[in-house]
Amino acid sequence: MNRILLLFVGFYLLTGCNGNEESSPYSEVLAQPPYSVLTDSIKKEPKRDELYFRRAVLLNKNNFPEPALADFRKAWSLRQDESYAIGVSNILMDKKPGDAVTFLKEALNALPKSLFLRLSLARAYNKLDKTDEALGICNAILLEQPDQVNTLMLQTELFEKMALSACDYDRNCLKMAFLIIFYHINNFSPIFYSFLHLKICNQ
């Protein structure tokens, strides 16, 4: 009796695991080359995070962002690796920056020192027009790494965005455009730039 029960449980678990893969809306895609080899490996070793990651990279490369996102998320759930989080955030950033913000906040709880994830969060805020939040992250990064080029570039973009949105389409906008060009040429500090911006826009 015990032997029959064990066989039944084993069969249930086996078919249940296979059923999850087969019930996927992308099961036909995943069963075809070049994904089929990795799909077979995942069925045999479903806890190997790198297999999901490798399949996600292939899917994303071949313009299948939805199943790629699912695989990046699965890899992340198995192991909190920065590469997996980057995969998730890059796909979400394109069409769902709000979801990207939610995910990146969670990912940064696991990897608080990740420069790339912090910068990605700033970019997601920028896409949502949450300039203050994006600037706050950039400023925090630059306190630690003053010469971080990608952060400086994003910070400049955010200052330009603030400057242009602060002025109406009148002579002040021409002054503001001149200031932006002058800022790039002379590499003002952000504090001095903000001071000039306020002086011009309040004239």
C-alpha atoms as a PDB file:
ATOM      1  CA  MET A   1       0.000   0.000   0.000  1.00  0.00           C
ATOM      2  CA  ASN A   2       2.808   2.398   0.930  1.00  0.00           C
ATOM      3  CA  ARG A   3       4.616   1.550  -2.287  1.00  0.00           C
ATOM      4  CA  ILE A   4       1.512   2.400  -4.359  1.00  0.00           C
ATOM      5  CA  LEU A   5       1.081   5.675  -2.481  1.00  0.00           C
ATOM      6  CA  LEU A   6       4.697   6.665  -3.131  1.00  0.00           C
ATOM      7  CA  LEU A   7       4.345   5.874  -6.823  1.00  0.00           C
ATOM      8  CA  PHE A   8       1.189   7.991  -6.998  1.00  0.00           C
ATOM      9  CA  VAL A   9       2.838  10.966  -5.279  1.00  0.00           C
ATOM     10  CA  GLY A  10       5.892  10.695  -7.528  1.00  0.00           C
ATOM     11  CA  PHE A  11       3.743  10.600 -10.644  1.00  0.00           C
ATOM     12  CA  TYR A  12       1.721  13.608  -9.417  1.00  0.00           C
ATOM     13  CA  LEU A  13       4.819  15.685  -8.749  1.00  0.00           C
ATOM     14  CA  LEU A  14       6.351  14.761 -12.109  1.00  0.00           C
ATOM     15  CA  THR A  15       3.276  15.611 -14.128  1.00  0.00           C
ATOM     16  CA  GLY A  16       2.685  18.742 -12.077  1.00  0.00           C
ATOM     17  CA  CYS A  17       6.164  20.082 -12.825  1.00  0.00           C
ATOM     18  CA  ASN A  18       5.850  19.341 -16.514  1.00  0.00           C
ATOM     19  CA  GLY A  19       2.373  20.812 -16.549  1.00  0.00           C
ATOM     20  CA  ASN A  20       3.662  24.205 -15.437  1.00  0.00           C
ATOM     21  CA  GLU A  21       5.990  24.421 -18.425  1.00  0.00           C
ATOM     22  CA  GLU A  22       3.391  23.061 -20.856  1.00  0.00           C
ATOM     23  CA  SER A  23       0.695  25.436 -19.574  1.00  0.00           C
ATOM     24  CA  SER A  24       2.900  28.454 -20.287  1.00  0.00           C
ATOM     25  CA  PRO A  25       1.464  30.720 -23.020  1.00  0.00           C
ATOM     26  CA  TYR A  26       4.917  30.579 -24.608  1.00  0.00           C
ATOM     27  CA  SER A  27       5.286  26.796 -24.469  1.00  0.00           C
ATOM     28  CA  GLU A  28       5.379  26.472 -28.276  1.00  0.00           C
ATOM     29  CA  VAL A  29       8.166  29.033 -28.531  1.00  0.00           C
ATOM     30  CA  LEU A  30      10.140  27.485 -25.672  1.00  0.00           C
ATOM     31  CA  ALA A  31       9.917  24.047 -27.298  1.00  0.00           C
ATOM     32  CA  GLN A  32      11.569  25.272 -30.500  1.00  0.00           C
ATOM     33  CA  PRO A  33      15.261  25.831 -31.258  1.00  0.00           C
ATOM     34  CA  PRO A  34      17.314  27.609 -30.052  1.00  0.00           C
ATOM     35  CA  TYR A  35      15.390  27.480 -26.746  1.00  0.00           C
ATOM     36  CA  SER A  36      14.462  23.790 -26.696  1.00  0.00           C
ATOM     37  CA  VAL A  37      17.826  22.582 -25.371  1.00  0.00           C
ATOM     38  CA  LEU A  38      17.648  24.970 -22.432  1.00  0.00           C
ATOM     39  CA  THR A  39      13.975  24.156 -21.893  1.00  0.00           C
ATOM     40  CA  ASP A  40      14.815  20.452 -21.624  1.00  0.00           C
ATOM     41  CA  SER A  41      17.636  21.257 -19.198  1.00  0.00           C
ATOM     42  CA  ILE A  42      15.286  23.375 -17.072  1.00  0.00           C
ATOM     43  CA  LYS A  43      12.808  20.481 -16.869  1.00  0.00           C
ATOM     44  CA  LYS A  44      15.593  18.270 -15.546  1.00  0.00           C
ATOM     45  CA  GLU A  45      17.113  20.875 -13.214  1.00  0.00           C
ATOM     46  CA  PRO A  46      14.445  23.503 -12.435  1.00  0.00           C
ATOM     47  CA  LYS A  47      16.484  25.096  -9.626  1.00  0.00           C
ATOM     48  CA  ARG A  48      19.431  26.137 -11.818  1.00  0.00           C
ATOM     49  CA  ASP A  49      19.039  29.898 -12.085  1.00  0.00           C
ATOM     50  CA  GLU A  50      21.640  30.304 -14.847  1.00  0.00           C
ATOM     51  CA  LEU A  51      19.558  28.176 -17.229  1.00  0.00           C
ATOM     52  CA  TYR A  52      16.626  30.588 -16.977  1.00  0.00           C
ATOM     53  CA  PHE A  53      19.012  33.507 -17.432  1.00  0.00           C
ATOM     54  CA  ARG A  54      20.597  32.044 -20.560  1.00  0.00           C
ATOM     55  CA  ARG A  55      17.190  31.315 -22.060  1.00  0.00           C
ATOM     56  CA  ALA A  56      15.990  34.824 -21.157  1.00  0.00           C
ATOM     57  CA  VAL A  57      18.960  36.396 -22.946  1.00  0.00           C
ATOM     58  CA  LEU A  58      18.197  34.370 -26.073  1.00  0.00           C
ATOM     59  CA  LEU A  59      14.501  35.222 -25.960  1.00  0.00           C
ATOM     60  CA  ASN A  60      15.162  38.908 -25.475  1.00  0.00           C
ATOM     61  CA  LYS A  61      17.723  38.941 -28.278  1.00  0.00           C
ATOM     62  CA  ASN A  62      15.117  37.415 -30.608  1.00  0.00           C
ATOM     63  CA  ASN A  63      12.422  39.934 -29.653  1.00  0.00           C
ATOM     64  CA  PHE A  64      10.384  37.845 -27.215  1.00  0.00           C
ATOM     65  CA  PRO A  65      10.366  40.266 -24.263  1.00  0.00           C
ATOM     66  CA  GLU A  66       7.430  38.708 -22.374  1.00  0.00           C
ATOM     67  CA  PRO A  67       8.841  35.182 -21.935  1.00  0.00           C
ATOM     68  CA  ALA A  68      12.296  36.725 -21.464  1.00  0.00           C
ATOM     69  CA  LEU A  69      10.944  38.805 -18.592  1.00  0.00           C
ATOM     70  CA  ALA A  70       9.382  35.710 -17.022  1.00  0.00           C
ATOM     71  CA  ASP A  71      12.720  33.883 -17.202  1.00  0.00           C
ATOM     72  CA  PHE A  72      14.698  36.836 -15.825  1.00  0.00           C
ATOM     73  CA  ARG A  73      12.228  37.030 -12.932  1.00  0.00           C
ATOM     74  CA  LYS A  74      12.503  33.291 -12.307  1.00  0.00           C
ATOM     75  CA  ALA A  75      16.310  33.462 -12.280  1.00  0.00           C
ATOM     76  CA  TRP A  76      16.140  36.395  -9.829  1.00  0.00           C
ATOM     77  CA  SER A  77      13.753  34.489  -7.566  1.00  0.00           C
ATOM     78  CA  LEU A  78      16.245  31.624  -7.382  1.00  0.00           C
ATOM     79  CA  ARG A  79      19.303  33.822  -6.796  1.00  0.00           C
ATOM     80  CA  GLN A  80      19.615  37.572  -6.276  1.00  0.00           C
ATOM     81  CA  ASP A  81      22.261  38.290  -8.903  1.00  0.00           C
ATOM     82  CA  GLU A  82      22.747  41.797 -10.339  1.00  0.00           C
ATOM     83  CA  SER A  83      22.681  40.517 -13.944  1.00  0.00           C
ATOM     84  CA  TYR A  84      19.240  39.007 -13.408  1.00  0.00           C
ATOM     85  CA  ALA A  85      17.902  42.237 -11.890  1.00  0.00           C
ATOM     86  CA  ILE A  86      19.323  44.222 -14.799  1.00  0.00           C
ATOM     87  CA  GLY A  87      17.509  41.914 -17.231  1.00  0.00           C
ATOM     88  CA  VAL A  88      14.187  42.458 -15.466  1.00  0.00           C
ATOM     89  CA  SER A  89      14.582  46.235 -15.149  1.00  0.00           C
ATOM     90  CA  ASN A  90      15.709  46.773 -18.753  1.00  0.00           C
ATOM     91  CA  ILE A  91      12.584  45.103 -20.129  1.00  0.00           C
ATOM     92  CA  LEU A  92      10.234  46.851 -17.697  1.00  0.00           C
ATOM     93  CA  MET A  93      11.854  50.230 -18.325  1.00  0.00           C
ATOM     94  CA  ASP A  94      10.768  50.253 -21.948  1.00  0.00           C
ATOM     95  CA  LYS A  95       6.997  50.103 -21.478  1.00  0.00           C
ATOM     96  CA  LYS A  96       6.318  49.921 -17.730  1.00  0.00           C
ATOM     97  CA  PRO A  97       8.630  52.345 -15.906  1.00  0.00           C
ATOM     98  CA  GLY A  98       6.317  52.311 -12.893  1.00  0.00           C
ATOM     99  CA  ASP A  99       6.775  48.553 -12.569  1.00  0.00           C
ATOM    100  CA  ALA A 100      10.502  49.071 -13.084  1.00  0.00           C
ATOM    101  CA  VAL A 101      10.565  51.439 -10.080  1.00  0.00           C
ATOM    102  CA  THR A 102       8.742  48.893  -7.918  1.00  0.00           C
ATOM    103  CA  PHE A 103      11.065  46.072  -8.925  1.00  0.00           C
ATOM    104  CA  LEU A 104      14.264  48.121  -8.602  1.00  0.00           C
ATOM    105  CA  LYS A 105      13.346  49.230  -5.093  1.00  0.00           C
ATOM    106  CA  GLU A 106      12.907  45.575  -4.113  1.00  0.00           C
ATOM    107  CA  ALA A 107      16.133  44.586  -5.878  1.00  0.00           C
ATOM    108  CA  LEU A 108      18.071  47.315  -4.085  1.00  0.00           C
ATOM    109  CA  ASN A 109      16.948  45.883  -0.763  1.00  0.00           C
ATOM    110  CA  ALA A 110      18.923  42.789  -1.731  1.00  0.00           C
ATOM    111  CA  LEU A 111      21.782  44.632  -3.483  1.00  0.00           C
ATOM    112  CA  PRO A 112      21.926  48.126  -1.930  1.00  0.00           C
ATOM    113  CA  LYS A 113      25.418  48.914  -3.256  1.00  0.00           C
ATOM    114  CA  SER A 114      24.655  48.191  -6.918  1.00  0.00           C
ATOM    115  CA  LEU A 115      25.545  51.310  -8.892  1.00  0.00           C
ATOM    116  CA  PHE A 116      23.800  50.080 -12.030  1.00  0.00           C
ATOM    117  CA  LEU A 117      20.523  49.370 -10.214  1.00  0.00           C
ATOM    118  CA  ARG A 118      20.584  52.751  -8.472  1.00  0.00           C
ATOM    119  CA  LEU A 119      21.206  54.516 -11.765  1.00  0.00           C
ATOM    120  CA  SER A 120      18.456  52.457 -13.408  1.00  0.00           C
ATOM    121  CA  LEU A 121      16.054  53.563 -10.678  1.00  0.00           C
ATOM    122  CA  ALA A 122      16.960  57.203 -11.391  1.00  0.00           C
ATOM    123  CA  ARG A 123      16.295  56.629 -15.103  1.00  0.00           C
ATOM    124  CA  ALA A 124      12.931  55.012 -14.328  1.00  0.00           C
ATOM    125  CA  TYR A 125      11.951  58.021 -12.207  1.00  0.00           C
ATOM    126  CA  ASN A 126      13.007  60.288 -15.073  1.00  0.00           C
ATOM    127  CA  LYS A 127      10.730  58.376 -17.453  1.00  0.00           C
ATOM    128  CA  LEU A 128       7.887  58.993 -15.010  1.00  0.00           C
ATOM    129  CA  ASP A 129       8.810  62.708 -14.887  1.00  0.00           C
ATOM    130  CA  LYS A 130       9.733  62.392 -11.224  1.00  0.00           C
ATOM    131  CA  THR A 131      12.756  64.618 -11.648  1.00  0.00           C
ATOM    132  CA  ASP A 132      13.330  65.382  -7.973  1.00  0.00           C
ATOM    133  CA  GLU A 133      13.504  61.685  -7.082  1.00  0.00           C
ATOM    134  CA  ALA A 134      15.860  61.012  -9.986  1.00  0.00           C
ATOM    135  CA  LEU A 135      18.121  63.911  -8.993  1.00  0.00           C
ATOM    136  CA  GLY A 136      18.184  62.723  -5.402  1.00  0.00           C
ATOM    137  CA  ILE A 137      19.591  59.374  -6.483  1.00  0.00           C
ATOM    138  CA  CYS A 138      22.142  60.997  -8.804  1.00  0.00           C
ATOM    139  CA  ASN A 139      23.311  63.329  -6.042  1.00  0.00           C
ATOM    140  CA  ALA A 140      23.693  60.417  -3.625  1.00  0.00           C
ATOM    141  CA  ILE A 141      25.782  58.479  -6.137  1.00  0.00           C
ATOM    142  CA  LEU A 142      27.983  61.497  -6.896  1.00  0.00           C
ATOM    143  CA  LEU A 143      28.689  62.034  -3.215  1.00  0.00           C
ATOM    144  CA  GLU A 144      30.296  58.596  -3.258  1.00  0.00           C
ATOM    145  CA  GLN A 145      31.736  58.698  -6.798  1.00  0.00           C
ATOM    146  CA  PRO A 146      32.078  62.329  -7.984  1.00  0.00           C
ATOM    147  CA  ASP A 147      33.471  61.340 -11.389  1.00  0.00           C
ATOM    148  CA  GLN A 148      30.890  58.712 -12.268  1.00  0.00           C
ATOM    149  CA  VAL A 149      30.327  59.605 -15.931  1.00  0.00           C
ATOM    150  CA  ASN A 150      26.911  58.021 -16.548  1.00  0.00           C
ATOM    151  CA  THR A 151      25.498  59.641 -13.425  1.00  0.00           C
ATOM    152  CA  LEU A 152      26.901  63.056 -14.389  1.00  0.00           C
ATOM    153  CA  MET A 153      25.337  62.728 -17.830  1.00  0.00           C
ATOM    154  CA  LEU A 154      21.938  61.856 -16.371  1.00  0.00           C
ATOM    155  CA  GLN A 155      22.214  64.670 -13.830  1.00  0.00           C
ATOM    156  CA  THR A 156      22.897  67.161 -16.641  1.00  0.00           C
ATOM    157  CA  GLU A 157      19.899  65.839 -18.570  1.00  0.00           C
ATOM    158  CA  LEU A 158      17.711  66.271 -15.494  1.00  0.00           C
ATOM    159  CA  PHE A 159      18.906  69.836 -14.919  1.00  0.00           C
ATOM    160  CA  GLU A 160      18.133  70.675 -18.543  1.00  0.00           C
ATOM    161  CA  LYS A 161      14.679  69.169 -18.139  1.00  0.00           C
ATOM    162  CA  MET A 162      14.030  71.244 -15.030  1.00  0.00           C
ATOM    163  CA  ALA A 163      15.315  74.412 -16.656  1.00  0.00           C
ATOM    164  CA  LEU A 164      13.216  74.117 -19.808  1.00  0.00           C
ATOM    165  CA  SER A 165      10.043  73.182 -17.928  1.00  0.00           C
ATOM    166  CA  ALA A 166      10.499  76.105 -15.509  1.00  0.00           C
ATOM    167  CA  CYS A 167      10.371  78.800 -18.203  1.00  0.00           C
ATOM    168  CA  ASP A 168       7.555  79.834 -20.530  1.00  0.00           C
ATOM    169  CA  TYR A 169       8.107  80.306 -24.230  1.00  0.00           C
ATOM    170  CA  ASP A 170       9.318  83.905 -23.950  1.00  0.00           C
ATOM    171  CA  ARG A 171      12.637  85.733 -23.815  1.00  0.00           C
ATOM    172  CA  ASN A 172      13.518  83.878 -20.597  1.00  0.00           C
ATOM    173  CA  CYS A 173      13.598  80.631 -22.549  1.00  0.00           C
ATOM    174  CA  LEU A 174      16.229  82.081 -24.850  1.00  0.00           C
ATOM    175  CA  LYS A 175      18.236  83.062 -21.792  1.00  0.00           C
ATOM    176  CA  MET A 176      17.755  79.612 -20.352  1.00  0.00           C
ATOM    177  CA  ALA A 177      18.935  77.950 -23.544  1.00  0.00           C
ATOM    178  CA  PHE A 178      22.045  80.128 -23.473  1.00  0.00           C
ATOM    179  CA  LEU A 179      22.630  79.126 -19.856  1.00  0.00           C
ATOM    180  CA  ILE A 180      22.384  75.426 -20.711  1.00  0.00           C
ATOM    181  CA  ILE A 181      24.964  75.806 -23.472  1.00  0.00           C
ATOM    182  CA  PHE A 182      27.191  77.848 -21.162  1.00  0.00           C
ATOM    183  CA  TYR A 183      26.817  75.190 -18.487  1.00  0.00           C
ATOM    184  CA  HIS A 184      28.101  72.510 -20.849  1.00  0.00           C
ATOM    185  CA  ILE A 185      31.032  74.608 -22.032  1.00  0.00           C
ATOM    186  CA  ASN A 186      32.188  75.741 -18.587  1.00  0.00           C
ATOM    187  CA  ASN A 187      31.120  72.704 -16.555  1.00  0.00           C
ATOM    188  CA  PHE A 188      29.504  74.677 -13.739  1.00  0.00           C
ATOM    189  CA  SER A 189      28.754  72.882 -10.520  1.00  0.00           C
ATOM    190  CA  PRO A 190      25.059  71.882 -10.230  1.00  0.00           C
ATOM    191  CA  ILE A 191      24.603  74.262  -7.263  1.00  0.00           C
ATOM    192  CA  PHE A 192      25.900  77.275  -9.225  1.00  0.00           C
ATOM    193  CA  TYR A 193      23.791  76.211 -12.221  1.00  0.00           C
ATOM    194  CA  SER A 194      20.645  76.063 -10.060  1.00  0.00           C
ATOM    195  CA  PHE A 195      21.406  79.522  -8.667  1.00  0.00           C
ATOM    196  CA  LEU A 196      21.708  81.040 -12.151  1.00  0.00           C
ATOM    197  CA  HIS A 197      18.568  79.219 -13.243  1.00  0.00           C
ATOM    198  CA  LEU A 198      16.552  80.781 -10.427  1.00  0.00           C
ATOM    199  CA  LYS A 199      17.979  84.240 -11.104  1.00  0.00           C
ATOM    200  CA  ILE A 200      17.081  84.120 -14.801  1.00  0.00           C
ATOM    201  CA  CYS A 201      13.623  82.612 -14.435  1.00  0.00           C
ATOM    202  CA  ASN A 202      12.665  85.105 -11.729  1.00  0.00           C
ATOM    203  CA  GLN A 203      13.593  88.155 -13.803  1.00  0.00           C
END
